[in-house]
Amino acid sequence: MSDLVAIMPAGAASGRILTTAGDLAWWASVADRERPPRPTPRYAAYRRTGLPCPRCGHPIAARDLNGRRLNWCPGCQGGAAS
């Protein structure tokens, strides 16, 4: 959660969805913040159900939550979503 707190202001300022610390580093390195190109997306959990987490190797979990698909790493982010 604290990762998202750090990334959200940059996402709001850029008008883009930033999802990883790498995206935050990219945003901080961009000199022209008018219309910077979007980096290639790197998702740790999105659409990776059952695959190993790139950070800890634990299988990515998924479930439906309020009509949306939720993906997360139980190893990095804790147990089941409630």
N, C-alpha and C. Protein backbone atom coordinates (compact mmCIF):
# COMPACT_ATOMS: atom_id res chain seq x y z
N MET A 1 0.82 -1.19 0.00
CA MET A 1 0.00 0.00 0.00
C MET A 1 0.86 1.25 0.00
N SER A 2 1.95 1.26 0.77
CA SER A 2 2.80 2.45 0.81
C SER A 2 3.43 2.71 -0.56
N ASP A 3 3.65 1.64 -1.36
CA ASP A 3 4.16 1.83 -2.72
C ASP A 3 3.18 2.67 -3.53
N LEU A 4 1.90 2.35 -3.42
CA LEU A 4 0.89 3.09 -4.17
C LEU A 4 0.80 4.54 -3.72
N VAL A 5 0.95 4.78 -2.44
CA VAL A 5 0.89 6.15 -1.92
C VAL A 5 1.99 6.99 -2.57
N ALA A 6 3.16 6.41 -2.77
CA ALA A 6 4.27 7.12 -3.39
C ALA A 6 4.04 7.35 -4.89
N ILE A 7 3.40 6.39 -5.55
CA ILE A 7 3.23 6.45 -7.00
C ILE A 7 2.03 7.29 -7.42
N MET A 8 0.97 7.34 -6.62
CA MET A 8 -0.27 8.00 -7.03
C MET A 8 -0.11 9.48 -7.38
N PRO A 9 0.64 10.30 -6.63
CA PRO A 9 0.78 11.70 -7.04
C PRO A 9 1.44 11.86 -8.41
N ALA A 10 2.42 11.01 -8.71
CA ALA A 10 3.07 11.07 -10.02
C ALA A 10 2.09 10.66 -11.11
N GLY A 11 1.27 9.67 -10.83
CA GLY A 11 0.25 9.25 -11.80
C GLY A 11 -0.76 10.35 -12.06
N ALA A 12 -1.18 11.03 -11.01
CA ALA A 12 -2.13 12.14 -11.17
C ALA A 12 -1.50 13.28 -11.96
N ALA A 13 -0.25 13.59 -11.67
CA ALA A 13 0.44 14.67 -12.38
C ALA A 13 0.67 14.34 -13.84
N SER A 14 0.94 13.06 -14.14
CA SER A 14 1.23 12.67 -15.51
C SER A 14 -0.02 12.38 -16.32
N GLY A 15 -1.14 12.15 -15.62
CA GLY A 15 -2.36 11.76 -16.32
C GLY A 15 -2.28 10.34 -16.84
N ARG A 16 -1.40 9.54 -16.26
CA ARG A 16 -1.21 8.16 -16.67
C ARG A 16 -1.34 7.23 -15.46
N ILE A 17 -1.57 5.97 -15.74
CA ILE A 17 -1.63 4.99 -14.67
C ILE A 17 -0.22 4.43 -14.50
N LEU A 18 0.39 4.73 -13.37
CA LEU A 18 1.72 4.20 -13.04
C LEU A 18 1.51 3.08 -12.04
N THR A 19 2.10 1.92 -12.31
CA THR A 19 1.78 0.75 -11.49
C THR A 19 2.96 0.18 -10.71
N THR A 20 4.17 0.58 -11.03
CA THR A 20 5.33 0.00 -10.35
C THR A 20 6.32 1.07 -9.94
N ALA A 21 7.24 0.71 -9.09
CA ALA A 21 8.30 1.64 -8.70
C ALA A 21 9.13 2.01 -9.93
N GLY A 22 9.26 1.10 -10.88
CA GLY A 22 9.97 1.41 -12.13
C GLY A 22 9.28 2.51 -12.91
N ASP A 23 7.94 2.50 -12.91
CA ASP A 23 7.20 3.58 -13.55
C ASP A 23 7.47 4.91 -12.86
N LEU A 24 7.55 4.88 -11.54
CA LEU A 24 7.83 6.10 -10.78
C LEU A 24 9.22 6.62 -11.11
N ALA A 25 10.20 5.74 -11.22
CA ALA A 25 11.56 6.15 -11.60
C ALA A 25 11.56 6.73 -13.00
N TRP A 26 10.79 6.11 -13.92
CA TRP A 26 10.68 6.63 -15.28
C TRP A 26 10.11 8.03 -15.24
N TRP A 27 9.05 8.23 -14.48
CA TRP A 27 8.40 9.55 -14.44
C TRP A 27 9.35 10.60 -13.88
N ALA A 28 10.11 10.26 -12.86
CA ALA A 28 11.03 11.20 -12.25
C ALA A 28 12.16 11.56 -13.21
N SER A 29 12.48 10.67 -14.15
CA SER A 29 13.59 10.92 -15.07
C SER A 29 13.18 11.68 -16.32
N VAL A 30 11.89 11.86 -16.55
CA VAL A 30 11.42 12.52 -17.77
C VAL A 30 11.59 14.04 -17.62
N ALA A 31 12.32 14.63 -18.55
CA ALA A 31 12.56 16.08 -18.48
C ALA A 31 11.32 16.85 -18.94
N ASP A 32 10.73 16.47 -20.08
CA ASP A 32 9.56 17.17 -20.62
C ASP A 32 8.31 16.47 -20.13
N ARG A 33 7.68 17.02 -19.13
CA ARG A 33 6.50 16.37 -18.54
C ARG A 33 5.20 16.79 -19.21
N GLU A 34 5.30 17.55 -20.33
CA GLU A 34 4.09 17.92 -21.07
C GLU A 34 3.36 16.68 -21.58
N ARG A 35 4.02 15.92 -22.43
CA ARG A 35 3.45 14.71 -23.02
C ARG A 35 4.53 13.65 -23.17
N PRO A 36 5.02 13.13 -22.07
CA PRO A 36 6.08 12.11 -22.18
C PRO A 36 5.54 10.80 -22.74
N PRO A 37 6.37 10.05 -23.46
CA PRO A 37 5.92 8.75 -23.94
C PRO A 37 5.75 7.79 -22.77
N ARG A 38 4.80 6.90 -22.93
CA ARG A 38 4.52 5.90 -21.88
C ARG A 38 5.50 4.76 -22.01
N PRO A 39 6.14 4.34 -20.90
CA PRO A 39 7.02 3.18 -20.99
C PRO A 39 6.23 1.91 -21.26
N THR A 40 6.92 0.89 -21.72
CA THR A 40 6.28 -0.40 -21.91
C THR A 40 5.76 -0.89 -20.56
N PRO A 41 4.47 -1.27 -20.49
CA PRO A 41 3.92 -1.72 -19.20
C PRO A 41 4.66 -2.94 -18.66
N ARG A 42 4.88 -2.93 -17.35
CA ARG A 42 5.45 -4.08 -16.65
C ARG A 42 4.55 -4.35 -15.47
N TYR A 43 3.85 -5.43 -15.53
CA TYR A 43 2.90 -5.75 -14.47
C TYR A 43 3.43 -6.92 -13.66
N ALA A 44 3.40 -6.78 -12.36
CA ALA A 44 3.85 -7.86 -11.49
C ALA A 44 2.76 -8.90 -11.29
N ALA A 45 1.49 -8.49 -11.33
CA ALA A 45 0.40 -9.42 -11.04
C ALA A 45 -0.69 -9.43 -12.11
N TYR A 46 -0.98 -8.31 -12.73
CA TYR A 46 -2.10 -8.21 -13.67
C TYR A 46 -1.96 -9.21 -14.81
N ARG A 47 -3.01 -10.02 -14.99
CA ARG A 47 -3.09 -11.04 -16.03
C ARG A 47 -1.98 -12.09 -15.93
N ARG A 48 -1.52 -12.34 -14.70
CA ARG A 48 -0.45 -13.33 -14.50
C ARG A 48 -0.87 -14.42 -13.53
N THR A 49 -2.16 -14.68 -13.40
CA THR A 49 -2.67 -15.68 -12.46
C THR A 49 -1.93 -17.01 -12.62
N GLY A 50 -1.42 -17.51 -11.50
CA GLY A 50 -0.72 -18.80 -11.48
C GLY A 50 0.75 -18.73 -11.84
N LEU A 51 1.19 -17.64 -12.45
CA LEU A 51 2.60 -17.49 -12.79
C LEU A 51 3.37 -17.00 -11.56
N PRO A 52 4.68 -17.23 -11.51
CA PRO A 52 5.45 -16.79 -10.36
C PRO A 52 5.57 -15.26 -10.30
N CYS A 53 5.50 -14.74 -9.10
CA CYS A 53 5.70 -13.31 -8.87
C CYS A 53 7.14 -12.96 -9.23
N PRO A 54 7.36 -11.89 -10.00
CA PRO A 54 8.73 -11.54 -10.36
C PRO A 54 9.57 -11.10 -9.15
N ARG A 55 8.93 -10.73 -8.05
CA ARG A 55 9.67 -10.28 -6.87
C ARG A 55 10.02 -11.44 -5.94
N CYS A 56 9.02 -12.30 -5.62
CA CYS A 56 9.27 -13.34 -4.60
C CYS A 56 9.10 -14.77 -5.11
N GLY A 57 8.53 -14.96 -6.31
CA GLY A 57 8.37 -16.30 -6.87
C GLY A 57 7.09 -17.01 -6.48
N HIS A 58 6.31 -16.44 -5.57
CA HIS A 58 5.04 -17.05 -5.15
C HIS A 58 4.04 -16.96 -6.31
N PRO A 59 3.20 -17.97 -6.52
CA PRO A 59 2.21 -17.90 -7.60
C PRO A 59 1.23 -16.74 -7.40
N ILE A 60 0.97 -16.01 -8.48
CA ILE A 60 0.01 -14.91 -8.46
C ILE A 60 -1.39 -15.47 -8.29
N ALA A 61 -2.16 -14.87 -7.39
CA ALA A 61 -3.53 -15.29 -7.11
C ALA A 61 -4.51 -14.33 -7.78
N ALA A 62 -5.74 -14.78 -7.96
CA ALA A 62 -6.78 -13.93 -8.55
C ALA A 62 -8.14 -14.34 -8.01
N ARG A 63 -9.04 -13.38 -7.98
CA ARG A 63 -10.43 -13.67 -7.66
C ARG A 63 -11.28 -12.50 -8.12
N ASP A 64 -12.57 -12.75 -8.27
CA ASP A 64 -13.51 -11.69 -8.62
C ASP A 64 -13.91 -10.95 -7.36
N LEU A 65 -13.93 -9.65 -7.45
CA LEU A 65 -14.29 -8.81 -6.31
C LEU A 65 -15.14 -7.65 -6.83
N ASN A 66 -16.41 -7.65 -6.46
CA ASN A 66 -17.34 -6.60 -6.89
C ASN A 66 -17.37 -6.42 -8.40
N GLY A 67 -17.37 -7.54 -9.12
CA GLY A 67 -17.47 -7.49 -10.57
C GLY A 67 -16.17 -7.20 -11.29
N ARG A 68 -15.07 -7.12 -10.58
CA ARG A 68 -13.76 -6.87 -11.19
C ARG A 68 -12.82 -8.02 -10.86
N ARG A 69 -11.84 -8.24 -11.68
CA ARG A 69 -10.84 -9.28 -11.44
C ARG A 69 -9.70 -8.65 -10.65
N LEU A 70 -9.38 -9.24 -9.53
CA LEU A 70 -8.31 -8.76 -8.65
C LEU A 70 -7.16 -9.75 -8.73
N ASN A 71 -5.97 -9.27 -9.04
CA ASN A 71 -4.76 -10.09 -9.09
C ASN A 71 -3.80 -9.57 -8.03
N TRP A 72 -3.15 -10.48 -7.30
CA TRP A 72 -2.20 -10.06 -6.28
C TRP A 72 -1.23 -11.19 -5.98
N CYS A 73 -0.14 -10.84 -5.33
CA CYS A 73 0.83 -11.83 -4.90
C CYS A 73 0.64 -12.07 -3.41
N PRO A 74 0.19 -13.28 -3.02
CA PRO A 74 0.03 -13.58 -1.60
C PRO A 74 1.35 -13.51 -0.84
N GLY A 75 2.47 -13.75 -1.51
CA GLY A 75 3.77 -13.68 -0.85
C GLY A 75 4.17 -12.26 -0.50
N CYS A 76 3.96 -11.33 -1.43
CA CYS A 76 4.35 -9.92 -1.21
C CYS A 76 3.24 -9.11 -0.56
N GLN A 77 1.99 -9.42 -0.88
CA GLN A 77 0.88 -8.58 -0.48
C GLN A 77 -0.04 -9.22 0.54
N GLY A 78 0.27 -10.38 1.01
CA GLY A 78 -0.56 -11.02 2.03
C GLY A 78 -1.52 -12.05 1.47
N GLY A 79 -2.36 -12.57 2.33
CA GLY A 79 -3.26 -13.68 2.02
C GLY A 79 -4.39 -13.31 1.08
N ALA A 80 -5.50 -14.01 1.25
CA ALA A 80 -6.65 -13.85 0.38
C ALA A 80 -7.28 -12.48 0.53
N ALA A 81 -7.79 -11.98 -0.59
CA ALA A 81 -8.53 -10.71 -0.57
C ALA A 81 -9.87 -10.94 0.09
N SER A 82 -10.33 -9.97 0.84
CA SER A 82 -11.63 -10.16 1.50
C SER A 82 -12.69 -9.29 0.89
